[in-house]
Amino acid sequence: MNEGEEPKFCPKKMTLEGKCSVTGGFDCAVEFLGKYGASAMPSHCTCKDLPHHQRLCHCDIICR
């Protein structure tokens, strides 16, 4: 990415243990930060409960 160029975001998903909390989108952003680092700049994060005590996190992160 060149200076002054807008970053390009790509959708990413992660399946995690447990159910979504009240702050599900924020919790997903924290999970993405832990996996990809701050340079990924996760945004527009959502959390969806799945069967078998799992959750699906979806965030847009900077494409690599």
PDB file of N, CA and C in Angstrom:
ATOM      1  N   MET A   1       0.839  -1.173   0.000  1.00  0.00           N
ATOM      2  CA  MET A   1       0.000   0.000   0.000  1.00  0.00           C
ATOM      3  C   MET A   1       0.887   1.240   0.000  1.00  0.00           C
ATOM      4  N   ASN A   2       0.628   2.161  -0.897  1.00  0.00           N
ATOM      5  CA  ASN A   2       1.400   3.391  -1.000  1.00  0.00           C
ATOM      6  C   ASN A   2       0.823   4.466  -0.090  1.00  0.00           C
ATOM      7  N   GLU A   3       1.644   5.443   0.237  1.00  0.00           N
ATOM      8  CA  GLU A   3       1.205   6.543   1.081  1.00  0.00           C
ATOM      9  C   GLU A   3       0.023   7.250   0.440  1.00  0.00           C
ATOM     10  N   GLY A   4      -1.002   7.526   1.245  1.00  0.00           N
ATOM     11  CA  GLY A   4      -2.192   8.202   0.750  1.00  0.00           C
ATOM     12  C   GLY A   4      -3.201   7.273   0.091  1.00  0.00           C
ATOM     13  N   GLU A   5      -2.828   6.025  -0.099  1.00  0.00           N
ATOM     14  CA  GLU A   5      -3.717   5.046  -0.722  1.00  0.00           C
ATOM     15  C   GLU A   5      -4.637   4.451   0.345  1.00  0.00           C
ATOM     16  N   GLU A   6      -5.925   4.328   0.025  1.00  0.00           N
ATOM     17  CA  GLU A   6      -6.876   3.734   0.959  1.00  0.00           C
ATOM     18  C   GLU A   6      -6.621   2.234   1.062  1.00  0.00           C
ATOM     19  N   PRO A   7      -6.651   1.687   2.270  1.00  0.00           N
ATOM     20  CA  PRO A   7      -6.453   0.239   2.397  1.00  0.00           C
ATOM     21  C   PRO A   7      -7.644  -0.525   1.820  1.00  0.00           C
ATOM     22  N   LYS A   8      -7.375  -1.701   1.291  1.00  0.00           N
ATOM     23  CA  LYS A   8      -8.434  -2.564   0.772  1.00  0.00           C
ATOM     24  C   LYS A   8      -8.777  -3.600   1.834  1.00  0.00           C
ATOM     25  N   PHE A   9     -10.067  -3.727   2.133  1.00  0.00           N
ATOM     26  CA  PHE A   9     -10.518  -4.674   3.147  1.00  0.00           C
ATOM     27  C   PHE A   9     -11.109  -5.909   2.488  1.00  0.00           C
ATOM     28  N   CYS A  10     -10.862  -7.059   3.112  1.00  0.00           N
ATOM     29  CA  CYS A  10     -11.389  -8.344   2.643  1.00  0.00           C
ATOM     30  C   CYS A  10     -12.149  -9.007   3.790  1.00  0.00           C
ATOM     31  N   PRO A  11     -13.243  -9.689   3.499  1.00  0.00           N
ATOM     32  CA  PRO A  11     -13.983 -10.385   4.554  1.00  0.00           C
ATOM     33  C   PRO A  11     -13.248 -11.646   5.008  1.00  0.00           C
ATOM     34  N   LYS A  12     -13.249 -11.869   6.308  1.00  0.00           N
ATOM     35  CA  LYS A  12     -12.646 -13.074   6.885  1.00  0.00           C
ATOM     36  C   LYS A  12     -13.599 -13.640   7.932  1.00  0.00           C
ATOM     37  N   LYS A  13     -13.576 -14.956   8.083  1.00  0.00           N
ATOM     38  CA  LYS A  13     -14.410 -15.627   9.078  1.00  0.00           C
ATOM     39  C   LYS A  13     -13.543 -16.520   9.946  1.00  0.00           C
ATOM     40  N   MET A  14     -13.982 -16.682  11.198  1.00  0.00           N
ATOM     41  CA  MET A  14     -13.333 -17.610  12.124  1.00  0.00           C
ATOM     42  C   MET A  14     -14.419 -18.300  12.937  1.00  0.00           C
ATOM     43  N   THR A  15     -14.319 -19.606  13.097  1.00  0.00           N
ATOM     44  CA  THR A  15     -15.218 -20.344  13.972  1.00  0.00           C
ATOM     45  C   THR A  15     -14.492 -20.571  15.290  1.00  0.00           C
ATOM     46  N   LEU A  16     -15.166 -20.184  16.377  1.00  0.00           N
ATOM     47  CA  LEU A  16     -14.552 -20.237  17.704  1.00  0.00           C
ATOM     48  C   LEU A  16     -15.457 -20.975  18.678  1.00  0.00           C
ATOM     49  N   GLU A  17     -14.885 -21.427  19.779  1.00  0.00           N
ATOM     50  CA  GLU A  17     -15.651 -22.076  20.834  1.00  0.00           C
ATOM     51  C   GLU A  17     -16.483 -21.047  21.587  1.00  0.00           C
ATOM     52  N   GLY A  18     -17.613 -21.480  22.113  1.00  0.00           N
ATOM     53  CA  GLY A  18     -18.449 -20.628  22.951  1.00  0.00           C
ATOM     54  C   GLY A  18     -19.501 -19.880  22.157  1.00  0.00           C
ATOM     55  N   LYS A  19     -20.385 -19.245  22.890  1.00  0.00           N
ATOM     56  CA  LYS A  19     -21.467 -18.471  22.291  1.00  0.00           C
ATOM     57  C   LYS A  19     -21.103 -16.983  22.247  1.00  0.00           C
ATOM     58  N   CYS A  20     -21.799 -16.228  21.414  1.00  0.00           N
ATOM     59  CA  CYS A  20     -21.583 -14.779  21.327  1.00  0.00           C
ATOM     60  C   CYS A  20     -22.015 -14.118  22.632  1.00  0.00           C
ATOM     61  N   SER A  21     -21.291 -13.118  23.038  1.00  0.00           N
ATOM     62  CA  SER A  21     -21.662 -12.347  24.223  1.00  0.00           C
ATOM     63  C   SER A  21     -22.473 -11.128  23.774  1.00  0.00           C
ATOM     64  N   VAL A  22     -22.867 -10.314  24.726  1.00  0.00           N
ATOM     65  CA  VAL A  22     -23.601  -9.083  24.415  1.00  0.00           C
ATOM     66  C   VAL A  22     -22.759  -8.178  23.521  1.00  0.00           C
ATOM     67  N   THR A  23     -21.440  -8.218  23.701  1.00  0.00           N
ATOM     68  CA  THR A  23     -20.527  -7.404  22.891  1.00  0.00           C
ATOM     69  C   THR A  23     -19.863  -8.269  21.817  1.00  0.00           C
ATOM     70  N   GLY A  24     -20.632  -9.145  21.180  1.00  0.00           N
ATOM     71  CA  GLY A  24     -20.110 -10.123  20.235  1.00  0.00           C
ATOM     72  C   GLY A  24     -19.213  -9.559  19.154  1.00  0.00           C
ATOM     73  N   GLY A  25     -19.623  -8.451  18.524  1.00  0.00           N
ATOM     74  CA  GLY A  25     -18.808  -7.856  17.465  1.00  0.00           C
ATOM     75  C   GLY A  25     -17.460  -7.381  17.986  1.00  0.00           C
ATOM     76  N   PHE A  26     -17.471  -6.779  19.168  1.00  0.00           N
ATOM     77  CA  PHE A  26     -16.218  -6.322  19.779  1.00  0.00           C
ATOM     78  C   PHE A  26     -15.334  -7.519  20.126  1.00  0.00           C
ATOM     79  N   ASP A  27     -15.942  -8.556  20.692  1.00  0.00           N
ATOM     80  CA  ASP A  27     -15.176  -9.754  21.042  1.00  0.00           C
ATOM     81  C   ASP A  27     -14.546 -10.374  19.800  1.00  0.00           C
ATOM     82  N   CYS A  28     -15.269 -10.363  18.698  1.00  0.00           N
ATOM     83  CA  CYS A  28     -14.714 -10.895  17.447  1.00  0.00           C
ATOM     84  C   CYS A  28     -13.527 -10.049  16.982  1.00  0.00           C
ATOM     85  N   ALA A  29     -13.640  -8.735  17.094  1.00  0.00           N
ATOM     86  CA  ALA A  29     -12.529  -7.861  16.709  1.00  0.00           C
ATOM     87  C   ALA A  29     -11.284  -8.193  17.529  1.00  0.00           C
ATOM     88  N   VAL A  30     -11.464  -8.449  18.820  1.00  0.00           N
ATOM     89  CA  VAL A  30     -10.340  -8.805  19.696  1.00  0.00           C
ATOM     90  C   VAL A  30      -9.713 -10.127  19.240  1.00  0.00           C
ATOM     91  N   GLU A  31     -10.545 -11.100  18.872  1.00  0.00           N
ATOM     92  CA  GLU A  31     -10.027 -12.390  18.380  1.00  0.00           C
ATOM     93  C   GLU A  31      -9.211 -12.196  17.099  1.00  0.00           C
ATOM     94  N   PHE A  32      -9.708 -11.358  16.187  1.00  0.00           N
ATOM     95  CA  PHE A  32      -8.985 -11.092  14.938  1.00  0.00           C
ATOM     96  C   PHE A  32      -7.676 -10.356  15.210  1.00  0.00           C
ATOM     97  N   LEU A  33      -7.693  -9.432  16.163  1.00  0.00           N
ATOM     98  CA  LEU A  33      -6.455  -8.736  16.533  1.00  0.00           C
ATOM     99  C   LEU A  33      -5.430  -9.732  17.066  1.00  0.00           C
ATOM    100  N   GLY A  34      -5.893 -10.680  17.876  1.00  0.00           N
ATOM    101  CA  GLY A  34      -4.995 -11.682  18.423  1.00  0.00           C
ATOM    102  C   GLY A  34      -4.384 -12.575  17.349  1.00  0.00           C
ATOM    103  N   LYS A  35      -5.165 -12.891  16.329  1.00  0.00           N
ATOM    104  CA  LYS A  35      -4.675 -13.791  15.278  1.00  0.00           C
ATOM    105  C   LYS A  35      -3.846 -13.064  14.223  1.00  0.00           C
ATOM    106  N   TYR A  36      -4.299 -11.875  13.796  1.00  0.00           N
ATOM    107  CA  TYR A  36      -3.667 -11.196  12.661  1.00  0.00           C
ATOM    108  C   TYR A  36      -2.850  -9.958  13.048  1.00  0.00           C
ATOM    109  N   GLY A  37      -2.994  -9.464  14.279  1.00  0.00           N
ATOM    110  CA  GLY A  37      -2.256  -8.282  14.709  1.00  0.00           C
ATOM    111  C   GLY A  37      -2.996  -6.995  14.381  1.00  0.00           C
ATOM    112  N   ALA A  38      -2.536  -5.906  14.959  1.00  0.00           N
ATOM    113  CA  ALA A  38      -3.195  -4.607  14.818  1.00  0.00           C
ATOM    114  C   ALA A  38      -3.190  -4.102  13.380  1.00  0.00           C
ATOM    115  N   SER A  39      -2.203  -4.515  12.589  1.00  0.00           N
ATOM    116  CA  SER A  39      -2.128  -4.038  11.202  1.00  0.00           C
ATOM    117  C   SER A  39      -3.297  -4.544  10.349  1.00  0.00           C
ATOM    118  N   ALA A  40      -4.010  -5.562  10.826  1.00  0.00           N
ATOM    119  CA  ALA A  40      -5.168  -6.078  10.090  1.00  0.00           C
ATOM    120  C   ALA A  40      -6.357  -5.119  10.175  1.00  0.00           C
ATOM    121  N   MET A  41      -6.384  -4.276  11.203  1.00  0.00           N
ATOM    122  CA  MET A  41      -7.440  -3.278  11.404  1.00  0.00           C
ATOM    123  C   MET A  41      -8.845  -3.872  11.231  1.00  0.00           C
ATOM    124  N   PRO A  42      -9.231  -4.883  12.034  1.00  0.00           N
ATOM    125  CA  PRO A  42     -10.549  -5.481  11.877  1.00  0.00           C
ATOM    126  C   PRO A  42     -11.666  -4.453  12.056  1.00  0.00           C
ATOM    127  N   SER A  43     -12.660  -4.524  11.181  1.00  0.00           N
ATOM    128  CA  SER A  43     -13.798  -3.601  11.269  1.00  0.00           C
ATOM    129  C   SER A  43     -15.064  -4.323  10.824  1.00  0.00           C
ATOM    130  N   HIS A  44     -16.202  -3.711  11.114  1.00  0.00           N
ATOM    131  CA  HIS A  44     -17.519  -4.265  10.767  1.00  0.00           C
ATOM    132  C   HIS A  44     -17.658  -5.708  11.241  1.00  0.00           C
ATOM    133  N   CYS A  45     -17.265  -5.973  12.469  1.00  0.00           N
ATOM    134  CA  CYS A  45     -17.287  -7.330  12.999  1.00  0.00           C
ATOM    135  C   CYS A  45     -18.666  -7.715  13.513  1.00  0.00           C
ATOM    136  N   THR A  46     -19.029  -8.967  13.246  1.00  0.00           N
ATOM    137  CA  THR A  46     -20.292  -9.516  13.733  1.00  0.00           C
ATOM    138  C   THR A  46     -20.033 -10.892  14.315  1.00  0.00           C
ATOM    139  N   CYS A  47     -20.954 -11.322  15.157  1.00  0.00           N
ATOM    140  CA  CYS A  47     -20.867 -12.640  15.782  1.00  0.00           C
ATOM    141  C   CYS A  47     -22.205 -13.342  15.588  1.00  0.00           C
ATOM    142  N   LYS A  48     -22.146 -14.619  15.227  1.00  0.00           N
ATOM    143  CA  LYS A  48     -23.359 -15.417  15.037  1.00  0.00           C
ATOM    144  C   LYS A  48     -23.193 -16.734  15.783  1.00  0.00           C
ATOM    145  N   ASP A  49     -24.183 -17.056  16.632  1.00  0.00           N
ATOM    146  CA  ASP A  49     -24.140 -18.321  17.347  1.00  0.00           C
ATOM    147  C   ASP A  49     -24.346 -19.485  16.387  1.00  0.00           C
ATOM    148  N   LEU A  50     -23.593 -20.552  16.604  1.00  0.00           N
ATOM    149  CA  LEU A  50     -23.696 -21.778  15.827  1.00  0.00           C
ATOM    150  C   LEU A  50     -24.076 -22.920  16.774  1.00  0.00           C
ATOM    151  N   PRO A  51     -24.501 -24.048  16.217  1.00  0.00           N
ATOM    152  CA  PRO A  51     -24.777 -25.207  17.078  1.00  0.00           C
ATOM    153  C   PRO A  51     -23.501 -25.706  17.761  1.00  0.00           C
ATOM    154  N   HIS A  52     -23.672 -26.560  18.747  1.00  0.00           N
ATOM    155  CA  HIS A  52     -22.562 -27.234  19.431  1.00  0.00           C
ATOM    156  C   HIS A  52     -21.637 -26.263  20.157  1.00  0.00           C
ATOM    157  N   HIS A  53     -22.225 -25.221  20.750  1.00  0.00           N
ATOM    158  CA  HIS A  53     -21.488 -24.257  21.577  1.00  0.00           C
ATOM    159  C   HIS A  53     -20.312 -23.625  20.825  1.00  0.00           C
ATOM    160  N   GLN A  54     -20.589 -23.202  19.604  1.00  0.00           N
ATOM    161  CA  GLN A  54     -19.587 -22.492  18.808  1.00  0.00           C
ATOM    162  C   GLN A  54     -20.184 -21.188  18.294  1.00  0.00           C
ATOM    163  N   ARG A  55     -19.301 -20.304  17.818  1.00  0.00           N
ATOM    164  CA  ARG A  55     -19.745 -19.034  17.249  1.00  0.00           C
ATOM    165  C   ARG A  55     -18.940 -18.732  15.995  1.00  0.00           C
ATOM    166  N   LEU A  56     -19.556 -17.991  15.087  1.00  0.00           N
ATOM    167  CA  LEU A  56     -18.900 -17.589  13.847  1.00  0.00           C
ATOM    168  C   LEU A  56     -18.624 -16.092  13.918  1.00  0.00           C
ATOM    169  N   CYS A  57     -17.359 -15.738  13.863  1.00  0.00           N
ATOM    170  CA  CYS A  57     -16.967 -14.327  13.833  1.00  0.00           C
ATOM    171  C   CYS A  57     -16.661 -13.940  12.390  1.00  0.00           C
ATOM    172  N   HIS A  58     -17.146 -12.782  12.001  1.00  0.00           N
ATOM    173  CA  HIS A  58     -16.906 -12.269  10.659  1.00  0.00           C
ATOM    174  C   HIS A  58     -16.441 -10.829  10.799  1.00  0.00           C
ATOM    175  N   CYS A  59     -15.276 -10.513  10.236  1.00  0.00           N
ATOM    176  CA  CYS A  59     -14.747  -9.150  10.232  1.00  0.00           C
ATOM    177  C   CYS A  59     -14.160  -8.851   8.861  1.00  0.00           C
ATOM    178  N   ASP A  60     -14.130  -7.583   8.514  1.00  0.00           N
ATOM    179  CA  ASP A  60     -13.365  -7.134   7.357  1.00  0.00           C
ATOM    180  C   ASP A  60     -11.980  -6.752   7.874  1.00  0.00           C
ATOM    181  N   ILE A  61     -10.948  -7.291   7.222  1.00  0.00           N
ATOM    182  CA  ILE A  61      -9.578  -6.941   7.601  1.00  0.00           C
ATOM    183  C   ILE A  61      -8.809  -6.505   6.357  1.00  0.00           C
ATOM    184  N   ILE A  62      -7.685  -5.823   6.568  1.00  0.00           N
ATOM    185  CA  ILE A  62      -6.861  -5.373   5.447  1.00  0.00           C
ATOM    186  C   ILE A  62      -6.340  -6.590   4.693  1.00  0.00           C
ATOM    187  N   CYS A  63      -6.534  -6.597   3.396  1.00  0.00           N
ATOM    188  CA  CYS A  63      -6.085  -7.709   2.543  1.00  0.00           C
ATOM    189  C   CYS A  63      -4.567  -7.769   2.527  1.00  0.00           C
ATOM    190  N   ARG A  64      -4.047  -8.973   2.449  1.00  0.00           N
ATOM    191  CA  ARG A  64      -2.591  -9.173   2.410  1.00  0.00           C
ATOM    192  C   ARG A  64      -2.212  -9.932   1.183  1.00  0.00           C
TER     193      ARG A  64
END
